[in-house]
Amino acid sequence: MIANPRDWRIEDLKTLAARNGITARQPGTSHVTFRHASGSKLTVPARRPIKPVYVVKFIQWLDAIQARRGEAGDEG
């Protein structure tokens, strides 16, 4: 995704989020809010295709969550 952030759909991001324990909400709006249990969230416009800048932001956000999860696992 990061190498080719074009032509991705919101369903792709929702699938990736679900695999990582992140919820996605779209309460009748044109945006989807992804929320992690830590309280971190990211809102992405649900247009097709998603603009590459939002795909890159999503991947960076997901990487940051995974990095925090790794740090928490190293402490215990």
PDB file of N, CA and C in Angstrom:
ATOM      1  N   MET A   1       0.823  -1.198   0.000  1.00  0.00           N
ATOM      2  CA  MET A   1       0.000   0.000   0.000  1.00  0.00           C
ATOM      3  C   MET A   1       0.869   1.265   0.000  1.00  0.00           C
ATOM      4  N   ILE A   2       1.920   1.236   0.787  1.00  0.00           N
ATOM      5  CA  ILE A   2       2.758   2.432   0.889  1.00  0.00           C
ATOM      6  C   ILE A   2       3.520   2.670  -0.410  1.00  0.00           C
ATOM      7  N   ALA A   3       3.894   1.591  -1.103  1.00  0.00           N
ATOM      8  CA  ALA A   3       4.620   1.732  -2.359  1.00  0.00           C
ATOM      9  C   ALA A   3       3.704   2.204  -3.486  1.00  0.00           C
ATOM     10  N   ASN A   4       2.422   1.863  -3.412  1.00  0.00           N
ATOM     11  CA  ASN A   4       1.455   2.266  -4.432  1.00  0.00           C
ATOM     12  C   ASN A   4       0.159   2.711  -3.740  1.00  0.00           C
ATOM     13  N   PRO A   5       0.116   3.947  -3.232  1.00  0.00           N
ATOM     14  CA  PRO A   5      -1.049   4.393  -2.473  1.00  0.00           C
ATOM     15  C   PRO A   5      -2.242   4.816  -3.330  1.00  0.00           C
ATOM     16  N   ARG A   6      -2.248   4.464  -4.600  1.00  0.00           N
ATOM     17  CA  ARG A   6      -3.355   4.834  -5.480  1.00  0.00           C
ATOM     18  C   ARG A   6      -4.339   3.683  -5.629  1.00  0.00           C
ATOM     19  N   ASP A   7      -5.557   4.014  -5.971  1.00  0.00           N
ATOM     20  CA  ASP A   7      -6.601   3.041  -6.300  1.00  0.00           C
ATOM     21  C   ASP A   7      -6.982   2.104  -5.159  1.00  0.00           C
ATOM     22  N   TRP A   8      -6.888   2.552  -3.924  1.00  0.00           N
ATOM     23  CA  TRP A   8      -7.347   1.759  -2.790  1.00  0.00           C
ATOM     24  C   TRP A   8      -8.745   2.204  -2.416  1.00  0.00           C
ATOM     25  N   ARG A   9      -9.547   1.276  -1.946  1.00  0.00           N
ATOM     26  CA  ARG A   9     -10.915   1.593  -1.549  1.00  0.00           C
ATOM     27  C   ARG A   9     -11.029   1.540  -0.031  1.00  0.00           C
ATOM     28  N   ILE A  10     -12.061   2.162   0.486  1.00  0.00           N
ATOM     29  CA  ILE A  10     -12.253   2.218   1.933  1.00  0.00           C
ATOM     30  C   ILE A  10     -12.434   0.814   2.511  1.00  0.00           C
ATOM     31  N   GLU A  11     -12.992  -0.102   1.733  1.00  0.00           N
ATOM     32  CA  GLU A  11     -13.159  -1.483   2.196  1.00  0.00           C
ATOM     33  C   GLU A  11     -11.803  -2.137   2.464  1.00  0.00           C
ATOM     34  N   ASP A  12     -10.796  -1.773   1.673  1.00  0.00           N
ATOM     35  CA  ASP A  12      -9.447  -2.301   1.884  1.00  0.00           C
ATOM     36  C   ASP A  12      -8.894  -1.838   3.233  1.00  0.00           C
ATOM     37  N   LEU A  13      -9.107  -0.567   3.545  1.00  0.00           N
ATOM     38  CA  LEU A  13      -8.635  -0.037   4.823  1.00  0.00           C
ATOM     39  C   LEU A  13      -9.399  -0.667   5.976  1.00  0.00           C
ATOM     40  N   LYS A  14     -10.703  -0.864   5.803  1.00  0.00           N
ATOM     41  CA  LYS A  14     -11.505  -1.502   6.852  1.00  0.00           C
ATOM     42  C   LYS A  14     -11.026  -2.921   7.120  1.00  0.00           C
ATOM     43  N   THR A  15     -10.691  -3.662   6.075  1.00  0.00           N
ATOM     44  CA  THR A  15     -10.195  -5.027   6.234  1.00  0.00           C
ATOM     45  C   THR A  15      -8.877  -5.034   6.991  1.00  0.00           C
ATOM     46  N   LEU A  16      -7.969  -4.162   6.616  1.00  0.00           N
ATOM     47  CA  LEU A  16      -6.680  -4.067   7.279  1.00  0.00           C
ATOM     48  C   LEU A  16      -6.843  -3.654   8.740  1.00  0.00           C
ATOM     49  N   ALA A  17      -7.757  -2.740   8.989  1.00  0.00           N
ATOM     50  CA  ALA A  17      -8.026  -2.300  10.354  1.00  0.00           C
ATOM     51  C   ALA A  17      -8.557  -3.452  11.203  1.00  0.00           C
ATOM     52  N   ALA A  18      -9.519  -4.189  10.690  1.00  0.00           N
ATOM     53  CA  ALA A  18     -10.111  -5.303  11.438  1.00  0.00           C
ATOM     54  C   ALA A  18      -9.054  -6.346  11.797  1.00  0.00           C
ATOM     55  N   ARG A  19      -8.130  -6.598  10.899  1.00  0.00           N
ATOM     56  CA  ARG A  19      -7.059  -7.567  11.168  1.00  0.00           C
ATOM     57  C   ARG A  19      -6.132  -7.108  12.282  1.00  0.00           C
ATOM     58  N   ASN A  20      -6.137  -5.805  12.564  1.00  0.00           N
ATOM     59  CA  ASN A  20      -5.262  -5.247  13.588  1.00  0.00           C
ATOM     60  C   ASN A  20      -6.006  -4.770  14.822  1.00  0.00           C
ATOM     61  N   GLY A  21      -7.248  -5.215  14.984  1.00  0.00           N
ATOM     62  CA  GLY A  21      -8.013  -4.877  16.182  1.00  0.00           C
ATOM     63  C   GLY A  21      -8.488  -3.436  16.243  1.00  0.00           C
ATOM     64  N   ILE A  22      -8.698  -2.840  15.094  1.00  0.00           N
ATOM     65  CA  ILE A  22      -9.134  -1.443  15.008  1.00  0.00           C
ATOM     66  C   ILE A  22     -10.573  -1.427  14.503  1.00  0.00           C
ATOM     67  N   THR A  23     -11.423  -0.645  15.164  1.00  0.00           N
ATOM     68  CA  THR A  23     -12.810  -0.555  14.729  1.00  0.00           C
ATOM     69  C   THR A  23     -12.966   0.563  13.710  1.00  0.00           C
ATOM     70  N   ALA A  24     -13.950   0.394  12.844  1.00  0.00           N
ATOM     71  CA  ALA A  24     -14.248   1.403  11.830  1.00  0.00           C
ATOM     72  C   ALA A  24     -15.712   1.804  11.961  1.00  0.00           C
ATOM     73  N   ARG A  25     -15.974   3.100  12.015  1.00  0.00           N
ATOM     74  CA  ARG A  25     -17.348   3.595  12.106  1.00  0.00           C
ATOM     75  C   ARG A  25     -17.612   4.557  10.970  1.00  0.00           C
ATOM     76  N   GLN A  26     -18.772   4.408  10.372  1.00  0.00           N
ATOM     77  CA  GLN A  26     -19.213   5.316   9.320  1.00  0.00           C
ATOM     78  C   GLN A  26     -20.707   5.544   9.522  1.00  0.00           C
ATOM     79  N   PRO A  27     -21.053   6.369  10.503  1.00  0.00           N
ATOM     80  CA  PRO A  27     -22.467   6.554  10.853  1.00  0.00           C
ATOM     81  C   PRO A  27     -23.223   7.451   9.863  1.00  0.00           C
ATOM     82  N   GLY A  28     -23.362   6.968   8.649  1.00  0.00           N
ATOM     83  CA  GLY A  28     -24.119   7.714   7.652  1.00  0.00           C
ATOM     84  C   GLY A  28     -23.437   8.957   7.132  1.00  0.00           C
ATOM     85  N   THR A  29     -22.130   9.002   7.244  1.00  0.00           N
ATOM     86  CA  THR A  29     -21.393  10.178   6.775  1.00  0.00           C
ATOM     87  C   THR A  29     -20.483   9.798   5.617  1.00  0.00           C
ATOM     88  N   SER A  30     -19.814  10.785   5.079  1.00  0.00           N
ATOM     89  CA  SER A  30     -18.906  10.556   3.961  1.00  0.00           C
ATOM     90  C   SER A  30     -17.494  10.224   4.436  1.00  0.00           C
ATOM     91  N   HIS A  31     -17.310  10.075   5.737  1.00  0.00           N
ATOM     92  CA  HIS A  31     -16.012   9.758   6.304  1.00  0.00           C
ATOM     93  C   HIS A  31     -16.104   8.506   7.164  1.00  0.00           C
ATOM     94  N   VAL A  32     -14.982   7.805   7.286  1.00  0.00           N
ATOM     95  CA  VAL A  32     -14.885   6.647   8.167  1.00  0.00           C
ATOM     96  C   VAL A  32     -13.880   6.995   9.258  1.00  0.00           C
ATOM     97  N   THR A  33     -14.259   6.735  10.511  1.00  0.00           N
ATOM     98  CA  THR A  33     -13.361   6.962  11.625  1.00  0.00           C
ATOM     99  C   THR A  33     -12.848   5.626  12.119  1.00  0.00           C
ATOM    100  N   PHE A  34     -11.536   5.472  12.087  1.00  0.00           N
ATOM    101  CA  PHE A  34     -10.884   4.274  12.594  1.00  0.00           C
ATOM    102  C   PHE A  34     -10.420   4.581  14.003  1.00  0.00           C
ATOM    103  N   ARG A  35     -10.714   3.659  14.941  1.00  0.00           N
ATOM    104  CA  ARG A  35     -10.363   3.902  16.342  1.00  0.00           C
ATOM    105  C   ARG A  35      -9.715   2.661  16.937  1.00  0.00           C
ATOM    106  N   HIS A  36      -8.591   2.881  17.594  1.00  0.00           N
ATOM    107  CA  HIS A  36      -7.871   1.805  18.272  1.00  0.00           C
ATOM    108  C   HIS A  36      -8.229   1.852  19.763  1.00  0.00           C
ATOM    109  N   ALA A  37      -8.087   0.732  20.446  1.00  0.00           N
ATOM    110  CA  ALA A  37      -8.423   0.640  21.874  1.00  0.00           C
ATOM    111  C   ALA A  37      -7.613   1.619  22.721  1.00  0.00           C
ATOM    112  N   SER A  38      -6.466   2.038  22.249  1.00  0.00           N
ATOM    113  CA  SER A  38      -5.630   2.995  22.984  1.00  0.00           C
ATOM    114  C   SER A  38      -6.233   4.401  22.987  1.00  0.00           C
ATOM    115  N   GLY A  39      -7.266   4.619  22.163  1.00  0.00           N
ATOM    116  CA  GLY A  39      -7.886   5.934  22.058  1.00  0.00           C
ATOM    117  C   GLY A  39      -7.445   6.695  20.823  1.00  0.00           C
ATOM    118  N   SER A  40      -6.429   6.195  20.167  1.00  0.00           N
ATOM    119  CA  SER A  40      -5.945   6.820  18.947  1.00  0.00           C
ATOM    120  C   SER A  40      -6.987   6.650  17.835  1.00  0.00           C
ATOM    121  N   LYS A  41      -7.167   7.706  17.025  1.00  0.00           N
ATOM    122  CA  LYS A  41      -8.135   7.599  15.938  1.00  0.00           C
ATOM    123  C   LYS A  41      -7.648   8.349  14.713  1.00  0.00           C
ATOM    124  N   LEU A  42      -8.235   7.962  13.570  1.00  0.00           N
ATOM    125  CA  LEU A  42      -7.910   8.583  12.288  1.00  0.00           C
ATOM    126  C   LEU A  42      -9.182   8.602  11.456  1.00  0.00           C
ATOM    127  N   THR A  43      -9.484   9.734  10.853  1.00  0.00           N
ATOM    128  CA  THR A  43     -10.659   9.867  10.005  1.00  0.00           C
ATOM    129  C   THR A  43     -10.215   9.977   8.553  1.00  0.00           C
ATOM    130  N   VAL A  44     -10.885   9.185   7.697  1.00  0.00           N
ATOM    131  CA  VAL A  44     -10.531   9.123   6.279  1.00  0.00           C
ATOM    132  C   VAL A  44     -11.784   9.351   5.442  1.00  0.00           C
ATOM    133  N   PRO A  45     -11.736  10.238   4.449  1.00  0.00           N
ATOM    134  CA  PRO A  45     -12.878  10.392   3.537  1.00  0.00           C
ATOM    135  C   PRO A  45     -13.125   9.082   2.792  1.00  0.00           C
ATOM    136  N   ALA A  46     -14.383   8.734   2.599  1.00  0.00           N
ATOM    137  CA  ALA A  46     -14.740   7.449   2.003  1.00  0.00           C
ATOM    138  C   ALA A  46     -14.942   7.518   0.495  1.00  0.00           C
ATOM    139  N   ARG A  47     -14.374   8.498  -0.162  1.00  0.00           N
ATOM    140  CA  ARG A  47     -14.497   8.591  -1.623  1.00  0.00           C
ATOM    141  C   ARG A  47     -13.741   7.471  -2.300  1.00  0.00           C
ATOM    142  N   ARG A  48     -14.128   7.192  -3.552  1.00  0.00           N
ATOM    143  CA  ARG A  48     -13.422   6.168  -4.331  1.00  0.00           C
ATOM    144  C   ARG A  48     -12.733   6.819  -5.496  1.00  0.00           C
ATOM    145  N   PRO A  49     -11.513   6.526  -5.785  1.00  0.00           N
ATOM    146  CA  PRO A  49     -10.574   5.895  -4.863  1.00  0.00           C
ATOM    147  C   PRO A  49     -10.149   6.882  -3.786  1.00  0.00           C
ATOM    148  N   ILE A  50      -9.603   6.362  -2.718  1.00  0.00           N
ATOM    149  CA  ILE A  50      -9.127   7.216  -1.633  1.00  0.00           C
ATOM    150  C   ILE A  50      -7.883   7.950  -2.126  1.00  0.00           C
ATOM    151  N   LYS A  51      -7.780   9.219  -1.789  1.00  0.00           N
ATOM    152  CA  LYS A  51      -6.592   9.978  -2.185  1.00  0.00           C
ATOM    153  C   LYS A  51      -5.355   9.350  -1.543  1.00  0.00           C
ATOM    154  N   PRO A  52      -4.268   9.280  -2.294  1.00  0.00           N
ATOM    155  CA  PRO A  52      -3.045   8.643  -1.786  1.00  0.00           C
ATOM    156  C   PRO A  52      -2.564   9.192  -0.444  1.00  0.00           C
ATOM    157  N   VAL A  53      -2.752  10.475  -0.202  1.00  0.00           N
ATOM    158  CA  VAL A  53      -2.289  11.053   1.056  1.00  0.00           C
ATOM    159  C   VAL A  53      -2.975  10.386   2.247  1.00  0.00           C
ATOM    160  N   TYR A  54      -4.235  10.005   2.120  1.00  0.00           N
ATOM    161  CA  TYR A  54      -4.951   9.353   3.221  1.00  0.00           C
ATOM    162  C   TYR A  54      -4.505   7.905   3.395  1.00  0.00           C
ATOM    163  N   VAL A  55      -4.153   7.242   2.316  1.00  0.00           N
ATOM    164  CA  VAL A  55      -3.638   5.873   2.420  1.00  0.00           C
ATOM    165  C   VAL A  55      -2.301   5.901   3.159  1.00  0.00           C
ATOM    166  N   VAL A  56      -1.439   6.838   2.808  1.00  0.00           N
ATOM    167  CA  VAL A  56      -0.139   6.963   3.465  1.00  0.00           C
ATOM    168  C   VAL A  56      -0.331   7.282   4.946  1.00  0.00           C
ATOM    169  N   LYS A  57      -1.230   8.217   5.278  1.00  0.00           N
ATOM    170  CA  LYS A  57      -1.500   8.553   6.678  1.00  0.00           C
ATOM    171  C   LYS A  57      -2.002   7.339   7.450  1.00  0.00           C
ATOM    172  N   PHE A  58      -2.883   6.551   6.824  1.00  0.00           N
ATOM    173  CA  PHE A  58      -3.424   5.358   7.474  1.00  0.00           C
ATOM    174  C   PHE A  58      -2.312   4.365   7.785  1.00  0.00           C
ATOM    175  N   ILE A  59      -1.438   4.106   6.829  1.00  0.00           N
ATOM    176  CA  ILE A  59      -0.340   3.161   7.025  1.00  0.00           C
ATOM    177  C   ILE A  59       0.619   3.664   8.104  1.00  0.00           C
ATOM    178  N   GLN A  60       0.925   4.947   8.098  1.00  0.00           N
ATOM    179  CA  GLN A  60       1.803   5.504   9.131  1.00  0.00           C
ATOM    180  C   GLN A  60       1.162   5.394  10.514  1.00  0.00           C
ATOM    181  N   TRP A  61      -0.145   5.636  10.584  1.00  0.00           N
ATOM    182  CA  TRP A  61      -0.883   5.526  11.846  1.00  0.00           C
ATOM    183  C   TRP A  61      -0.868   4.085  12.335  1.00  0.00           C
ATOM    184  N   LEU A  62      -1.111   3.155  11.431  1.00  0.00           N
ATOM    185  CA  LEU A  62      -1.108   1.732  11.769  1.00  0.00           C
ATOM    186  C   LEU A  62       0.284   1.295  12.231  1.00  0.00           C
ATOM    187  N   ASP A  63       1.320   1.749  11.566  1.00  0.00           N
ATOM    188  CA  ASP A  63       2.695   1.428  11.964  1.00  0.00           C
ATOM    189  C   ASP A  63       2.995   1.958  13.370  1.00  0.00           C
ATOM    190  N   ALA A  64       2.522   3.167  13.677  1.00  0.00           N
ATOM    191  CA  ALA A  64       2.743   3.752  14.999  1.00  0.00           C
ATOM    192  C   ALA A  64       2.036   2.934  16.079  1.00  0.00           C
ATOM    193  N   ILE A  65       0.830   2.468  15.794  1.00  0.00           N
ATOM    194  CA  ILE A  65       0.090   1.630  16.746  1.00  0.00           C
ATOM    195  C   ILE A  65       0.840   0.324  16.975  1.00  0.00           C
ATOM    196  N   GLN A  66       1.314  -0.286  15.912  1.00  0.00           N
ATOM    197  CA  GLN A  66       2.040  -1.546  16.033  1.00  0.00           C
ATOM    198  C   GLN A  66       3.355  -1.349  16.788  1.00  0.00           C
ATOM    199  N   ALA A  67       4.012  -0.223  16.593  1.00  0.00           N
ATOM    200  CA  ALA A  67       5.255   0.070  17.305  1.00  0.00           C
ATOM    201  C   ALA A  67       4.982   0.220  18.799  1.00  0.00           C
ATOM    202  N   ARG A  68       3.898   0.911  19.147  1.00  0.00           N
ATOM    203  CA  ARG A  68       3.534   1.060  20.566  1.00  0.00           C
ATOM    204  C   ARG A  68       3.204  -0.293  21.180  1.00  0.00           C
ATOM    205  N   ARG A  69       2.523  -1.146  20.407  1.00  0.00           N
ATOM    206  CA  ARG A  69       2.173  -2.482  20.889  1.00  0.00           C
ATOM    207  C   ARG A  69       3.442  -3.291  21.137  1.00  0.00           C
ATOM    208  N   GLY A  70       4.425  -3.154  20.261  1.00  0.00           N
ATOM    209  CA  GLY A  70       5.704  -3.839  20.432  1.00  0.00           C
ATOM    210  C   GLY A  70       6.470  -3.353  21.659  1.00  0.00           C
ATOM    211  N   GLU A  71       6.443  -2.045  21.906  1.00  0.00           N
ATOM    212  CA  GLU A  71       7.105  -1.483  23.080  1.00  0.00           C
ATOM    213  C   GLU A  71       6.454  -1.968  24.355  1.00  0.00           C
ATOM    214  N   ALA A  72       5.124  -2.042  24.360  1.00  0.00           N
ATOM    215  CA  ALA A  72       4.402  -2.506  25.545  1.00  0.00           C
ATOM    216  C   ALA A  72       4.721  -3.967  25.814  1.00  0.00           C
ATOM    217  N   GLY A  73       4.886  -4.766  24.767  1.00  0.00           N
ATOM    218  CA  GLY A  73       5.216  -6.178  24.922  1.00  0.00           C
ATOM    219  C   GLY A  73       6.630  -6.385  25.435  1.00  0.00           C
ATOM    220  N   ASP A  74       7.552  -5.465  25.138  1.00  0.00           N
ATOM    221  CA  ASP A  74       8.945  -5.596  25.565  1.00  0.00           C
ATOM    222  C   ASP A  74       9.106  -5.298  27.050  1.00  0.00           C
ATOM    223  N   GLU A  75       8.188  -4.500  27.628  1.00  0.00           N
ATOM    224  CA  GLU A  75       8.301  -4.112  29.024  1.00  0.00           C
ATOM    225  C   GLU A  75       7.974  -5.266  29.971  1.00  0.00           C
ATOM    226  N   GLY A  76       7.043  -6.123  29.578  1.00  0.00           N
ATOM    227  CA  GLY A  76       6.537  -7.144  30.481  1.00  0.00           C
ATOM    228  C   GLY A  76       7.294  -8.371  30.363  1.00  0.00           C
TER     229      GLY A  76
END
